[in-house]
Amino acid sequence: MKVSLKNNETGVFGIGGLGEIGKNCYGVQFQDEIILIDAGIKFPEDELLGIDYVISDYSYIIQNLHKVKGLFITHGHEDHIGGIPFLLRQANMPIYAGPLAMALITNKLEEHGLLRDAELHEIHEDTIVRFRKTAVSFFRTTHSIPDTLGVVVKTPSGNIVATGDFKFDFTPVGEPADLHKMARIGEEGVLCLLSDSTNAEIPTFTKSEKTIGSSIVHIFEKIEGRIIFASFASNIFRLQQAADAAVATGRKIAVFGRSMENAIVNGQRLGYINVPKGTFVDASELNKLPANETLILCTGSQGEPMAALSRIANGTHRQIQIHPDDTVIFSSSPIPGNTTSVNHLINLLLQAGANVIHGKLNNIHTSGHGGQEEQKLMLRLMKPKFFMPVHGEFRMLKIHTKLAQATGVPRENCYILENGDMLALTADTARVAGHFNANDVYVDGNGVGDIGNVVLRDRRILSEEGLVLAVATVDIAKKEILSGPEILSRGFVYMRESGEMINEGQGILFRALREALKQPDCNEHKLKEAMAGALQPFLFDQTERHPMILGMIMTPDSLSTEVSPAQ
């Protein structure tokens, strides 16, 4: 289905963030002007073997790059800025972001070698960016990171508001949300509200960040040994509270992990992290300090295999090893998809002798997203004509839609959309005006976008069923089998205990090769097909498993391989 926006309609769409947590990327389009809001990543689920990140398919943006006026960032979390390097490689555009988000983006672009050609503009809550037909303004919200902004896109059809991630924290660590400005925006009129749905299943207000600070101090006071504190590097408020607790309990702080080091440097430079001089010490000084006078801040609270905490846990970190009296504090909750990795990391830490204190169980983590009462408050303040829930799985979007209806938005004015759907708005009407491709794009160590369903299927087969190598040396011209065939197993069966099956399988392969060599059009490819076709049903009959079969035909003058996946 193609997109069919009329000349008097404003289009609102999501390239990521609809029906999922993460990968946030939304757009507002009026005629020849497109305003993009955020470009994030999503962490892979367990079944996405070997995948590092999931990003959006930016094809629609690339095709309409001449219309894009800029990318506007609500805040600096990875699910809102992590996709920027991948987007800019394909479609360079101006980027507008608050001070902290801009610092994090700058670091990210520098790592990717994209900083020189980037057009970066720092914005604040009172900034207004005007274009010929549209204008973009902002309002301050509260989240778990400083400089969090909601976005207002003024179009000829009306104002489109994207809240970004928010909660209403009335005793925040940083600046409070600007409720007065939100109310003014609502009074001026909101045509459509795109609102954070992450905690739509939680019926109450989200706990204040300030309550976490006192809990951290209380826990620090009870710990006699060394403390290793793991958190999101971008959660500057949490890092400030950990630093305050360290100062209060007489501890020096060493920082590990590149993103954590960048966060501390940026937080201090921007005035978000303030501690007495000498609180932060170089890693080399750790061994000179008593254990009860040290705090280690590090990355890895999500179980990331290359992060500092994982390397500490598995004994591969060059500077830190777990001591029996260490206490590791996870000041976070697992992101969906990371639970297994986090549990594995905790097990490693416990096996190494550390004590582990985790997240919500010990009142040292709270969400940065508002619950139902906060979502209703946002709806009451904005009073939108049309409502489009974002940043949530389908059940969350559904609940959020019911909250909107309870606060006065007509049922027929609420739209639960999928990534790639185009919502077309006028001052009085709304319709779904088509769909464009917005599938997931996978990123692994080899690159972007070259990991399709076939590759993922093969990885799944290898992980679940194993691999069988079938090798033979054949002189095709003379129609002779010179040696073999041999069968080798990797992750399928234990060879020493499966001798009878292996021998029978070799006989089946020999007969299949002999029959294939009789054919007048015989070649290496057909020989490999014959091997896989004969061996697959035999192995399934013996084991009820479908391993991947890799046929290898060696000839006197060549060697070739070809994967023949299980059917």
Protein backbone atom coordinates (compact mmCIF):
# COMPACT_ATOMS: atom_id res chain seq x y z
CA MET A 1 0.00 0.00 0.00
CA LYS A 2 1.30 3.46 -0.89
CA VAL A 3 1.01 6.68 1.10
CA SER A 4 -1.59 9.11 -0.28
CA LEU A 5 -1.45 12.41 1.62
CA LYS A 6 -3.63 15.19 0.27
CA ASN A 7 -2.21 18.70 -0.06
CA ASN A 8 -4.20 20.02 2.91
CA GLU A 9 -3.40 17.10 5.22
CA THR A 10 -0.68 16.72 7.84
CA GLY A 11 0.82 13.24 8.03
CA VAL A 12 1.89 11.66 11.32
CA PHE A 13 3.78 8.38 11.31
CA GLY A 14 6.13 6.10 13.22
CA ILE A 15 9.14 4.37 11.68
CA GLY A 16 9.84 2.70 15.02
CA GLY A 17 8.32 2.66 18.50
CA LEU A 18 4.81 1.47 17.60
CA GLY A 19 4.00 -1.96 18.98
CA GLU A 20 7.43 -2.20 20.62
CA ILE A 21 9.66 -0.80 23.36
CA GLY A 22 12.57 1.01 21.75
CA LYS A 23 13.58 2.08 18.23
CA ASN A 24 11.64 5.32 18.64
CA CYS A 25 11.41 7.36 15.44
CA TYR A 26 8.37 9.48 14.56
CA GLY A 27 7.58 11.95 11.84
CA VAL A 28 5.29 14.86 11.04
CA GLN A 29 4.83 15.74 7.36
CA PHE A 30 3.06 18.69 5.75
CA GLN A 31 3.46 18.98 1.98
CA ASP A 32 7.20 19.30 1.31
CA GLU A 33 8.33 19.52 4.96
CA ILE A 34 9.07 16.54 7.23
CA ILE A 35 9.99 16.91 10.90
CA LEU A 36 11.63 13.79 12.36
CA ILE A 37 11.53 13.13 16.11
CA ASP A 38 14.17 10.77 17.56
CA ALA A 39 16.09 7.91 15.94
CA GLY A 40 16.67 5.10 18.42
CA ILE A 41 17.71 1.47 18.58
CA LYS A 42 16.09 -1.58 20.13
CA PHE A 43 17.99 -4.33 21.90
CA PRO A 44 17.46 -7.76 20.28
CA GLU A 45 15.26 -10.46 21.70
CA ASP A 46 16.88 -13.80 22.57
CA GLU A 47 15.86 -15.43 19.28
CA LEU A 48 17.82 -12.86 17.25
CA LEU A 49 21.06 -14.80 17.48
CA GLY A 50 24.19 -12.77 16.87
CA ILE A 51 22.32 -9.48 16.46
CA ASP A 52 23.73 -6.46 18.33
CA TYR A 53 21.00 -3.89 17.67
CA VAL A 54 17.73 -3.49 15.84
CA ILE A 55 17.19 -0.19 13.99
CA SER A 56 14.46 1.24 11.82
CA ASP A 57 14.23 0.92 8.06
CA TYR A 58 14.90 4.50 6.96
CA SER A 59 13.88 3.93 3.30
CA TYR A 60 10.95 6.35 3.48
CA ILE A 61 13.20 9.07 4.88
CA ILE A 62 15.91 8.43 2.29
CA GLN A 63 13.34 8.63 -0.52
CA ASN A 64 12.00 11.91 0.88
CA LEU A 65 15.26 13.40 2.16
CA HIS A 66 14.68 16.62 0.18
CA LYS A 67 11.65 17.24 2.40
CA VAL A 68 13.33 16.56 5.76
CA LYS A 69 13.94 19.79 7.68
CA GLY A 70 15.67 18.21 10.67
CA LEU A 71 15.87 15.49 13.30
CA PHE A 72 14.68 16.70 16.73
CA ILE A 73 15.78 14.74 19.80
CA THR A 74 13.65 14.49 22.95
CA HIS A 75 16.47 13.15 25.17
CA GLY A 76 19.70 11.18 25.18
CA HIS A 77 18.71 7.57 25.83
CA GLU A 78 19.84 4.93 23.33
CA ASP A 79 16.30 4.03 22.29
CA HIS A 80 16.01 7.64 21.07
CA ILE A 81 19.50 8.47 19.76
CA GLY A 82 21.20 5.10 19.14
CA GLY A 83 20.11 4.93 15.49
CA ILE A 84 21.49 8.36 14.53
CA PRO A 85 24.83 7.13 13.10
CA PHE A 86 23.02 4.56 10.92
CA LEU A 87 20.53 7.19 9.74
CA LEU A 88 23.19 9.81 8.97
CA ARG A 89 25.22 7.38 6.90
CA GLN A 90 22.25 7.11 4.55
CA ALA A 91 20.60 10.51 4.94
CA ASN A 92 22.52 13.44 6.40
CA MET A 93 20.29 16.06 7.99
CA PRO A 94 20.44 18.79 10.66
CA ILE A 95 20.14 17.48 14.24
CA TYR A 96 18.57 19.50 17.06
CA ALA A 97 19.06 18.34 20.66
CA GLY A 98 19.37 19.58 24.25
CA PRO A 99 22.83 20.03 25.85
CA LEU A 100 23.26 16.55 27.34
CA ALA A 101 21.72 14.70 24.40
CA MET A 102 23.92 16.75 22.07
CA ALA A 103 27.05 15.81 24.06
CA LEU A 104 26.12 12.12 23.86
CA ILE A 105 25.33 12.38 20.13
CA THR A 106 28.64 14.16 19.50
CA ASN A 107 30.55 11.33 21.19
CA LYS A 108 28.60 8.78 19.19
CA LEU A 109 29.20 10.49 15.84
CA GLU A 110 32.88 10.91 16.63
CA GLU A 111 33.20 7.17 17.28
CA HIS A 112 31.56 6.44 13.93
CA GLY A 113 33.66 8.99 12.04
CA LEU A 114 30.61 11.09 11.15
CA LEU A 115 31.17 14.20 13.25
CA ARG A 116 32.94 16.30 10.62
CA ASP A 117 29.97 16.33 8.22
CA ALA A 118 27.26 16.57 10.89
CA GLU A 119 25.13 19.71 11.26
CA LEU A 120 24.37 20.01 14.98
CA HIS A 121 22.17 22.60 16.71
CA GLU A 122 21.81 22.81 20.50
CA ILE A 123 18.30 23.63 21.66
CA HIS A 124 16.61 24.48 24.98
CA GLU A 125 13.07 24.45 26.25
CA ASP A 126 12.43 27.99 24.97
CA THR A 127 13.93 27.42 21.52
CA ILE A 128 11.66 27.85 18.48
CA VAL A 129 12.87 26.52 15.12
CA ARG A 130 10.89 27.98 12.22
CA PHE A 131 10.57 26.66 8.71
CA ARG A 132 8.51 27.97 5.81
CA LYS A 133 5.33 26.02 6.61
CA THR A 134 6.02 24.47 10.02
CA ALA A 135 7.67 25.40 13.30
CA VAL A 136 9.04 23.33 16.17
CA SER A 137 8.99 24.31 19.85
CA PHE A 138 9.59 22.45 23.10
CA PHE A 139 8.48 21.99 26.70
CA ARG A 140 10.40 20.60 29.68
CA THR A 141 9.41 17.18 31.03
CA THR A 142 10.79 14.90 33.75
CA HIS A 143 12.51 11.61 32.98
CA SER A 144 15.53 9.67 34.27
CA ILE A 145 17.98 11.85 32.33
CA PRO A 146 18.43 15.65 32.22
CA ASP A 147 17.34 17.90 29.35
CA THR A 148 14.23 15.89 28.52
CA LEU A 149 11.93 17.72 26.14
CA GLY A 150 8.50 17.28 24.65
CA VAL A 151 8.12 18.49 21.07
CA VAL A 152 5.39 20.65 19.52
CA VAL A 153 5.21 20.75 15.72
CA LYS A 154 3.06 23.63 14.51
CA THR A 155 1.46 22.87 11.15
CA PRO A 156 -1.31 24.58 9.13
CA SER A 157 -3.63 21.77 10.23
CA GLY A 158 -2.88 22.26 13.94
CA ASN A 159 -0.32 21.44 16.61
CA ILE A 160 1.13 17.93 16.79
CA VAL A 161 2.63 17.14 20.22
CA ALA A 162 5.09 14.31 20.98
CA THR A 163 5.65 13.96 24.72
CA GLY A 164 8.88 11.93 24.50
CA ASP A 165 9.51 9.79 27.59
CA PHE A 166 8.02 11.38 30.69
CA LYS A 167 6.74 11.05 34.20
CA PHE A 168 5.38 13.68 36.59
CA ASP A 169 7.95 13.72 39.38
CA PHE A 170 7.01 16.45 41.87
CA THR A 171 10.24 16.03 43.83
CA PRO A 172 12.74 15.46 41.01
CA VAL A 173 16.52 15.41 41.29
CA GLY A 174 16.80 17.88 38.41
CA GLU A 175 14.47 20.53 37.01
CA PRO A 176 10.73 19.91 37.42
CA ALA A 177 8.43 19.52 34.45
CA ASP A 178 6.93 22.75 33.14
CA LEU A 179 3.27 22.10 33.92
CA HIS A 180 2.28 25.68 33.16
CA LYS A 181 3.68 25.51 29.62
CA MET A 182 1.98 22.15 29.03
CA ALA A 183 -1.31 23.69 30.14
CA ARG A 184 -0.77 26.66 27.78
CA ILE A 185 -0.09 24.29 24.88
CA GLY A 186 -3.32 22.50 25.72
CA GLU A 187 -5.24 25.78 25.82
CA GLU A 188 -3.83 26.81 22.43
CA GLY A 189 -5.12 23.54 21.01
CA VAL A 190 -3.55 20.16 20.28
CA LEU A 191 -4.66 18.47 17.09
CA CYS A 192 -2.91 15.16 17.84
CA LEU A 193 -0.99 13.88 20.86
CA LEU A 194 1.71 11.20 20.58
CA SER A 195 2.26 10.04 24.15
CA ASP A 196 4.62 7.62 25.95
CA SER A 197 2.82 4.33 26.72
CA THR A 198 5.62 2.36 28.41
CA ASN A 199 4.02 2.12 31.87
CA ALA A 200 0.39 2.01 30.74
CA GLU A 201 -0.08 -1.23 32.69
CA ILE A 202 0.89 0.41 36.00
CA PRO A 203 -2.19 1.97 37.65
CA THR A 204 -0.40 4.44 39.94
CA PHE A 205 2.11 7.27 39.87
CA THR A 206 5.74 6.26 39.33
CA LYS A 207 7.94 6.62 42.40
CA SER A 208 10.02 9.81 42.60
CA GLU A 209 13.71 9.65 41.72
CA LYS A 210 14.54 11.50 44.95
CA THR A 211 13.36 8.55 47.06
CA ILE A 212 16.08 6.45 45.42
CA GLY A 213 18.83 8.73 46.71
CA SER A 214 18.05 8.11 50.36
CA SER A 215 17.84 4.36 49.71
CA ILE A 216 21.29 4.36 48.09
CA VAL A 217 22.82 6.19 51.06
CA HIS A 218 21.13 3.79 53.48
CA ILE A 219 22.53 0.78 51.58
CA PHE A 220 26.04 2.29 51.29
CA GLU A 221 26.14 2.85 55.07
CA LYS A 222 25.65 -0.88 55.69
CA ILE A 223 28.36 -2.10 53.30
CA GLU A 224 31.84 -2.62 54.74
CA GLY A 225 33.70 -3.74 51.61
CA ARG A 226 34.11 -2.36 48.12
CA ILE A 227 31.01 -1.29 46.18
CA ILE A 228 30.56 -1.82 42.44
CA PHE A 229 27.61 0.25 41.23
CA ALA A 230 26.21 -0.62 37.78
CA SER A 231 23.74 1.65 36.03
CA PHE A 232 22.89 3.09 32.66
CA ALA A 233 25.63 5.56 31.78
CA SER A 234 22.98 7.98 30.52
CA ASN A 235 21.07 7.98 33.85
CA ILE A 236 22.91 11.07 35.06
CA PHE A 237 20.56 11.65 37.99
CA ARG A 238 21.25 8.15 39.33
CA LEU A 239 24.99 8.66 38.94
CA GLN A 240 24.77 11.95 40.85
CA GLN A 241 22.92 10.22 43.69
CA ALA A 242 25.48 7.41 43.80
CA ALA A 243 28.24 10.03 43.90
CA ASP A 244 26.44 11.88 46.71
CA ALA A 245 26.14 8.64 48.67
CA ALA A 246 29.85 7.97 48.14
CA VAL A 247 30.74 11.41 49.50
CA ALA A 248 28.38 10.92 52.47
CA THR A 249 30.00 7.59 53.37
CA GLY A 250 33.62 8.63 52.76
CA ARG A 251 34.27 6.77 49.52
CA LYS A 252 36.36 7.72 46.49
CA ILE A 253 34.96 6.95 43.03
CA ALA A 254 36.65 5.20 40.10
CA VAL A 255 34.85 4.99 36.75
CA PHE A 256 35.02 2.10 34.26
CA GLY A 257 33.45 1.73 30.83
CA ARG A 258 33.84 4.18 27.98
CA SER A 259 30.21 5.32 27.95
CA MET A 260 30.28 5.76 31.74
CA GLU A 261 33.46 7.82 31.51
CA ASN A 262 31.88 10.00 28.82
CA ALA A 263 28.72 10.41 30.91
CA ILE A 264 30.69 11.56 33.97
CA VAL A 265 32.76 14.01 31.92
CA ASN A 266 29.67 15.43 30.19
CA GLY A 267 27.67 15.48 33.43
CA GLN A 268 30.37 17.46 35.23
CA ARG A 269 30.89 19.83 32.29
CA LEU A 270 27.17 20.59 32.06
CA GLY A 271 26.76 20.96 35.83
CA TYR A 272 24.60 17.87 36.42
CA ILE A 273 27.20 16.01 38.49
CA ASN A 274 28.71 18.02 41.36
CA VAL A 275 31.03 16.50 43.94
CA PRO A 276 33.98 17.83 45.97
CA LYS A 277 37.31 17.97 44.20
CA GLY A 278 39.25 14.73 44.58
CA THR A 279 36.14 12.51 44.81
CA PHE A 280 36.86 10.92 41.45
CA VAL A 281 40.18 9.06 41.35
CA ASP A 282 42.12 7.37 38.59
CA ALA A 283 41.65 3.63 38.26
CA SER A 284 45.32 3.10 39.07
CA GLU A 285 44.75 4.48 42.60
CA LEU A 286 42.13 1.87 43.52
CA ASN A 287 44.60 -0.62 44.95
CA LYS A 288 46.04 2.06 47.24
CA LEU A 289 42.68 2.68 48.93
CA PRO A 290 40.98 0.55 51.62
CA ALA A 291 38.05 -1.47 50.26
CA ASN A 292 35.56 0.39 52.46
CA GLU A 293 36.64 3.70 50.95
CA THR A 294 36.02 2.87 47.29
CA LEU A 295 33.09 2.97 44.90
CA ILE A 296 33.36 1.69 41.33
CA LEU A 297 30.88 3.13 38.82
CA CYS A 298 30.62 0.92 35.74
CA THR A 299 28.56 -0.01 32.72
CA GLY A 300 26.96 -3.41 32.17
CA SER A 301 23.74 -3.37 34.18
CA GLN A 302 21.98 -5.07 31.23
CA GLY A 303 24.42 -7.96 31.02
CA GLU A 304 26.13 -6.67 27.85
CA PRO A 305 28.99 -9.13 27.19
CA MET A 306 31.64 -6.50 26.39
CA ALA A 307 30.67 -4.02 29.13
CA ALA A 308 32.89 -3.48 32.16
CA LEU A 309 30.75 -5.43 34.65
CA SER A 310 30.58 -8.55 32.46
CA ARG A 311 34.35 -8.52 32.03
CA ILE A 312 34.78 -8.10 35.79
CA ALA A 313 32.40 -11.00 36.45
CA ASN A 314 34.08 -13.44 34.07
CA GLY A 315 37.60 -12.47 35.16
CA THR A 316 38.76 -10.86 31.91
CA HIS A 317 38.95 -7.25 33.13
CA ARG A 318 42.53 -6.00 33.18
CA GLN A 319 42.23 -3.90 36.34
CA ILE A 320 39.45 -5.29 38.52
CA GLN A 321 38.79 -8.74 39.95
CA ILE A 322 35.94 -9.69 42.24
CA HIS A 323 36.89 -9.91 45.93
CA PRO A 324 34.85 -11.98 48.40
CA ASP A 325 33.67 -8.89 50.31
CA ASP A 326 32.60 -6.92 47.19
CA THR A 327 29.00 -5.80 46.85
CA VAL A 328 27.62 -5.29 43.34
CA ILE A 329 24.58 -3.03 43.08
CA PHE A 330 22.36 -3.14 39.97
CA SER A 331 20.54 0.19 39.90
CA SER A 332 18.37 -0.76 36.94
CA SER A 333 15.76 -3.17 35.67
CA PRO A 334 16.38 -5.48 32.71
CA ILE A 335 15.27 -4.13 29.36
CA PRO A 336 12.89 -6.58 27.60
CA GLY A 337 15.11 -9.15 25.91
CA ASN A 338 17.98 -8.75 28.40
CA THR A 339 16.59 -10.72 31.36
CA THR A 340 18.51 -13.90 30.56
CA SER A 341 21.79 -12.01 30.14
CA VAL A 342 21.30 -10.14 33.43
CA ASN A 343 20.48 -13.34 35.34
CA HIS A 344 23.56 -15.02 33.89
CA LEU A 345 25.70 -12.07 34.98
CA ILE A 346 24.29 -12.16 38.51
CA ASN A 347 25.07 -15.88 38.72
CA LEU A 348 28.68 -15.25 37.64
CA LEU A 349 29.09 -12.51 40.25
CA LEU A 350 27.67 -14.70 43.02
CA GLN A 351 29.91 -17.61 41.98
CA ALA A 352 32.92 -15.28 42.14
CA GLY A 353 32.02 -14.49 45.76
CA ALA A 354 30.36 -11.09 45.49
CA ASN A 355 27.16 -9.99 47.19
CA VAL A 356 24.52 -8.73 44.73
CA ILE A 357 21.83 -6.14 45.40
CA HIS A 358 19.35 -5.67 42.61
CA GLY A 359 17.04 -2.89 41.45
CA LYS A 360 13.44 -2.58 42.54
CA LEU A 361 13.74 -5.30 45.15
CA ASN A 362 15.89 -2.97 47.25
CA ASN A 363 14.26 0.37 46.38
CA ILE A 364 17.28 1.54 44.35
CA HIS A 365 15.57 1.82 40.99
CA THR A 366 12.51 3.58 39.71
CA SER A 367 11.18 3.97 36.23
CA GLY A 368 11.53 7.14 34.20
CA HIS A 369 8.11 6.55 32.65
CA GLY A 370 4.79 7.64 34.08
CA GLY A 371 2.05 5.25 35.13
CA GLN A 372 -1.62 5.56 34.30
CA GLU A 373 -2.27 8.53 36.57
CA GLU A 374 0.53 10.50 34.91
CA GLN A 375 -0.64 9.51 31.45
CA LYS A 376 -4.12 10.77 32.33
CA LEU A 377 -2.65 14.01 33.67
CA MET A 378 -0.79 14.56 30.38
CA LEU A 379 -4.00 13.93 28.45
CA ARG A 380 -5.91 16.39 30.65
CA LEU A 381 -3.23 19.06 30.20
CA MET A 382 -2.98 18.64 26.42
CA LYS A 383 -6.69 18.02 25.66
CA PRO A 384 -5.97 16.58 22.19
CA LYS A 385 -8.59 16.26 19.46
CA PHE A 386 -6.91 13.08 18.16
CA PHE A 387 -4.74 10.62 20.09
CA MET A 388 -1.98 8.26 18.93
CA PRO A 389 -0.25 6.23 21.68
CA VAL A 390 3.44 5.51 21.01
CA HIS A 391 6.47 3.87 22.68
CA GLY A 392 4.83 0.65 23.78
CA GLU A 393 3.84 -2.89 22.88
CA PHE A 394 0.32 -3.35 21.55
CA ARG A 395 -1.27 -4.11 24.92
CA MET A 396 0.24 -0.90 26.33
CA LEU A 397 -1.02 1.15 23.39
CA LYS A 398 -4.47 -0.40 23.88
CA ILE A 399 -4.60 0.48 27.58
CA HIS A 400 -3.34 4.00 26.90
CA THR A 401 -6.10 4.45 24.32
CA LYS A 402 -8.72 3.52 26.92
CA LEU A 403 -7.20 6.10 29.30
CA ALA A 404 -7.52 8.72 26.56
CA GLN A 405 -11.17 7.83 26.08
CA ALA A 406 -11.74 8.05 29.85
CA THR A 407 -10.31 11.59 29.83
CA GLY A 408 -12.58 12.79 27.02
CA VAL A 409 -11.01 11.85 23.70
CA PRO A 410 -13.72 10.26 21.51
CA ARG A 411 -13.14 6.60 20.72
CA GLU A 412 -13.24 7.26 16.97
CA ASN A 413 -10.44 9.83 17.39
CA CYS A 414 -7.96 7.33 18.85
CA TYR A 415 -5.59 5.51 16.50
CA ILE A 416 -3.40 2.52 17.34
CA LEU A 417 -1.02 2.34 14.40
CA GLU A 418 1.83 0.13 13.24
CA ASN A 419 5.26 1.27 12.11
CA GLY A 420 4.88 2.59 8.57
CA ASP A 421 1.20 3.60 8.85
CA MET A 422 0.45 7.20 7.82
CA LEU A 423 -2.20 9.07 9.80
CA ALA A 424 -3.56 11.96 7.70
CA LEU A 425 -5.01 14.89 9.66
CA THR A 426 -6.87 18.08 8.90
CA ALA A 427 -8.22 20.48 11.50
CA ASP A 428 -11.37 18.32 11.73
CA THR A 429 -10.67 14.91 10.21
CA ALA A 430 -8.33 11.93 10.49
CA ARG A 431 -7.79 8.88 8.32
CA VAL A 432 -5.14 6.22 7.73
CA ALA A 433 -3.63 7.26 4.41
CA GLY A 434 -1.62 4.21 3.47
CA HIS A 435 1.49 2.41 4.60
CA PHE A 436 5.19 2.32 3.73
CA ASN A 437 7.83 -0.29 4.56
CA ALA A 438 9.16 0.07 8.10
CA ASN A 439 10.47 -3.40 8.91
CA ASP A 440 13.22 -4.07 11.42
CA VAL A 441 16.82 -3.78 10.23
CA TYR A 442 19.42 -5.87 12.03
CA VAL A 443 22.93 -4.76 12.97
CA ASP A 444 25.70 -7.20 13.82
CA GLY A 445 29.48 -7.14 13.75
CA ASN A 446 29.55 -7.60 9.98
CA GLY A 447 27.39 -4.60 9.12
CA VAL A 448 23.88 -3.28 8.72
CA GLY A 449 20.93 -4.75 6.91
CA ASP A 450 22.63 -7.83 5.43
CA ILE A 451 21.14 -10.15 8.05
CA GLY A 452 17.88 -11.40 6.59
CA ASN A 453 15.42 -14.05 7.68
CA VAL A 454 17.42 -16.78 5.94
CA VAL A 455 20.55 -15.93 7.93
CA LEU A 456 18.60 -15.84 11.19
CA ARG A 457 16.94 -19.15 10.32
CA ASP A 458 20.34 -20.72 9.67
CA ARG A 459 21.66 -19.39 12.99
CA ARG A 460 18.64 -20.82 14.77
CA ILE A 461 19.12 -24.21 13.12
CA LEU A 462 22.80 -24.22 14.06
CA SER A 463 22.00 -23.31 17.68
CA GLU A 464 19.18 -25.84 18.09
CA GLU A 465 19.99 -28.69 15.70
CA GLY A 466 23.74 -28.53 15.07
CA LEU A 467 25.86 -28.99 11.96
CA VAL A 468 26.84 -32.07 9.93
CA LEU A 469 29.75 -31.96 7.47
CA ALA A 470 29.59 -34.45 4.61
CA VAL A 471 32.93 -34.61 2.77
CA ALA A 472 33.96 -36.61 -0.31
CA THR A 473 36.69 -36.43 -2.95
CA VAL A 474 35.29 -37.04 -6.43
CA ASP A 475 36.67 -37.05 -9.98
CA ILE A 476 33.56 -35.93 -11.85
CA ALA A 477 35.10 -36.39 -15.30
CA LYS A 478 35.94 -40.03 -14.60
CA LYS A 479 32.72 -40.60 -12.58
CA GLU A 480 34.79 -41.91 -9.65
CA ILE A 481 34.60 -41.47 -5.86
CA LEU A 482 38.26 -41.15 -4.87
CA SER A 483 37.81 -41.06 -1.09
CA GLY A 484 35.06 -40.85 1.48
CA PRO A 485 32.43 -39.87 2.02
CA GLU A 486 33.14 -38.88 5.62
CA ILE A 487 30.69 -37.46 8.17
CA LEU A 488 31.68 -34.97 10.87
CA SER A 489 29.34 -33.65 13.56
CA ARG A 490 29.45 -30.25 15.28
CA GLY A 491 26.75 -29.73 17.89
CA PHE A 492 24.63 -32.59 16.51
CA VAL A 493 25.75 -35.93 17.97
CA TYR A 494 28.80 -37.16 19.85
CA MET A 495 30.77 -39.08 17.21
CA ARG A 496 32.23 -41.74 19.51
CA GLU A 497 28.81 -42.80 20.74
CA SER A 498 27.14 -42.72 17.32
CA GLY A 499 29.49 -44.94 15.29
CA GLU A 500 26.76 -47.23 13.93
CA MET A 501 24.64 -44.31 12.71
CA ILE A 502 27.68 -42.56 11.18
CA ASN A 503 28.71 -45.72 9.31
CA GLU A 504 25.19 -46.23 7.98
CA GLY A 505 25.06 -42.58 6.95
CA GLN A 506 28.34 -42.93 5.05
CA GLY A 507 26.89 -45.83 3.13
CA ILE A 508 23.81 -43.79 2.22
CA LEU A 509 26.04 -40.93 1.03
CA PHE A 510 28.18 -43.31 -1.06
CA ARG A 511 25.13 -44.71 -2.86
CA ALA A 512 23.68 -41.20 -3.39
CA LEU A 513 26.97 -39.98 -4.91
CA ARG A 514 27.25 -43.04 -7.13
CA GLU A 515 23.72 -42.51 -8.49
CA ALA A 516 24.34 -38.79 -9.02
CA LEU A 517 27.58 -39.48 -10.94
CA LYS A 518 25.61 -41.58 -13.44
CA GLN A 519 23.62 -38.54 -14.54
CA PRO A 520 24.87 -36.86 -17.75
CA ASP A 521 24.54 -33.34 -16.28
CA CYS A 522 26.38 -34.16 -13.05
CA ASN A 523 28.35 -31.32 -11.41
CA GLU A 524 29.55 -30.32 -7.94
CA HIS A 525 26.32 -28.55 -7.05
CA LYS A 526 24.18 -31.59 -7.93
CA LEU A 527 26.49 -33.85 -5.94
CA LYS A 528 26.08 -31.69 -2.85
CA GLU A 529 22.32 -31.63 -3.33
CA ALA A 530 22.31 -35.41 -3.62
CA MET A 531 24.31 -35.75 -0.39
CA ALA A 532 22.03 -33.43 1.58
CA GLY A 533 18.86 -34.93 0.08
CA ALA A 534 19.89 -38.45 1.04
CA LEU A 535 21.28 -37.66 4.49
CA GLN A 536 18.52 -35.36 5.82
CA PRO A 537 15.68 -37.93 6.02
CA PHE A 538 18.04 -40.56 7.42
CA LEU A 539 19.29 -38.31 10.22
CA PHE A 540 15.76 -37.19 11.08
CA ASP A 541 14.58 -40.81 11.19
CA GLN A 542 17.45 -41.64 13.57
CA THR A 543 17.35 -38.57 15.82
CA GLU A 544 14.17 -36.57 15.02
CA ARG A 545 16.40 -33.54 14.43
CA HIS A 546 17.15 -31.46 11.34
CA PRO A 547 20.81 -30.42 11.50
CA MET A 548 22.24 -28.10 8.92
CA ILE A 549 24.14 -30.18 6.36
CA LEU A 550 27.26 -28.70 4.79
CA GLY A 551 28.28 -30.67 1.73
CA MET A 552 31.93 -30.49 0.65
CA ILE A 553 33.07 -31.92 -2.67
CA MET A 554 36.80 -31.98 -3.27
CA THR A 555 38.07 -32.57 -6.77
CA PRO A 556 41.58 -33.09 -7.99
CA ASP A 557 41.82 -29.42 -8.97
CA SER A 558 39.34 -27.54 -6.79
CA LEU A 559 37.65 -27.36 -3.43
CA SER A 560 34.19 -25.86 -2.90
CA THR A 561 31.60 -25.65 -0.17
CA GLU A 562 27.95 -24.90 -0.12
CA VAL A 563 25.39 -24.79 2.65
CA SER A 564 22.33 -26.92 2.12
CA PRO A 565 19.90 -25.94 4.90
CA ALA A 566 17.57 -28.44 6.46
CA GLN A 567 14.19 -28.55 4.82
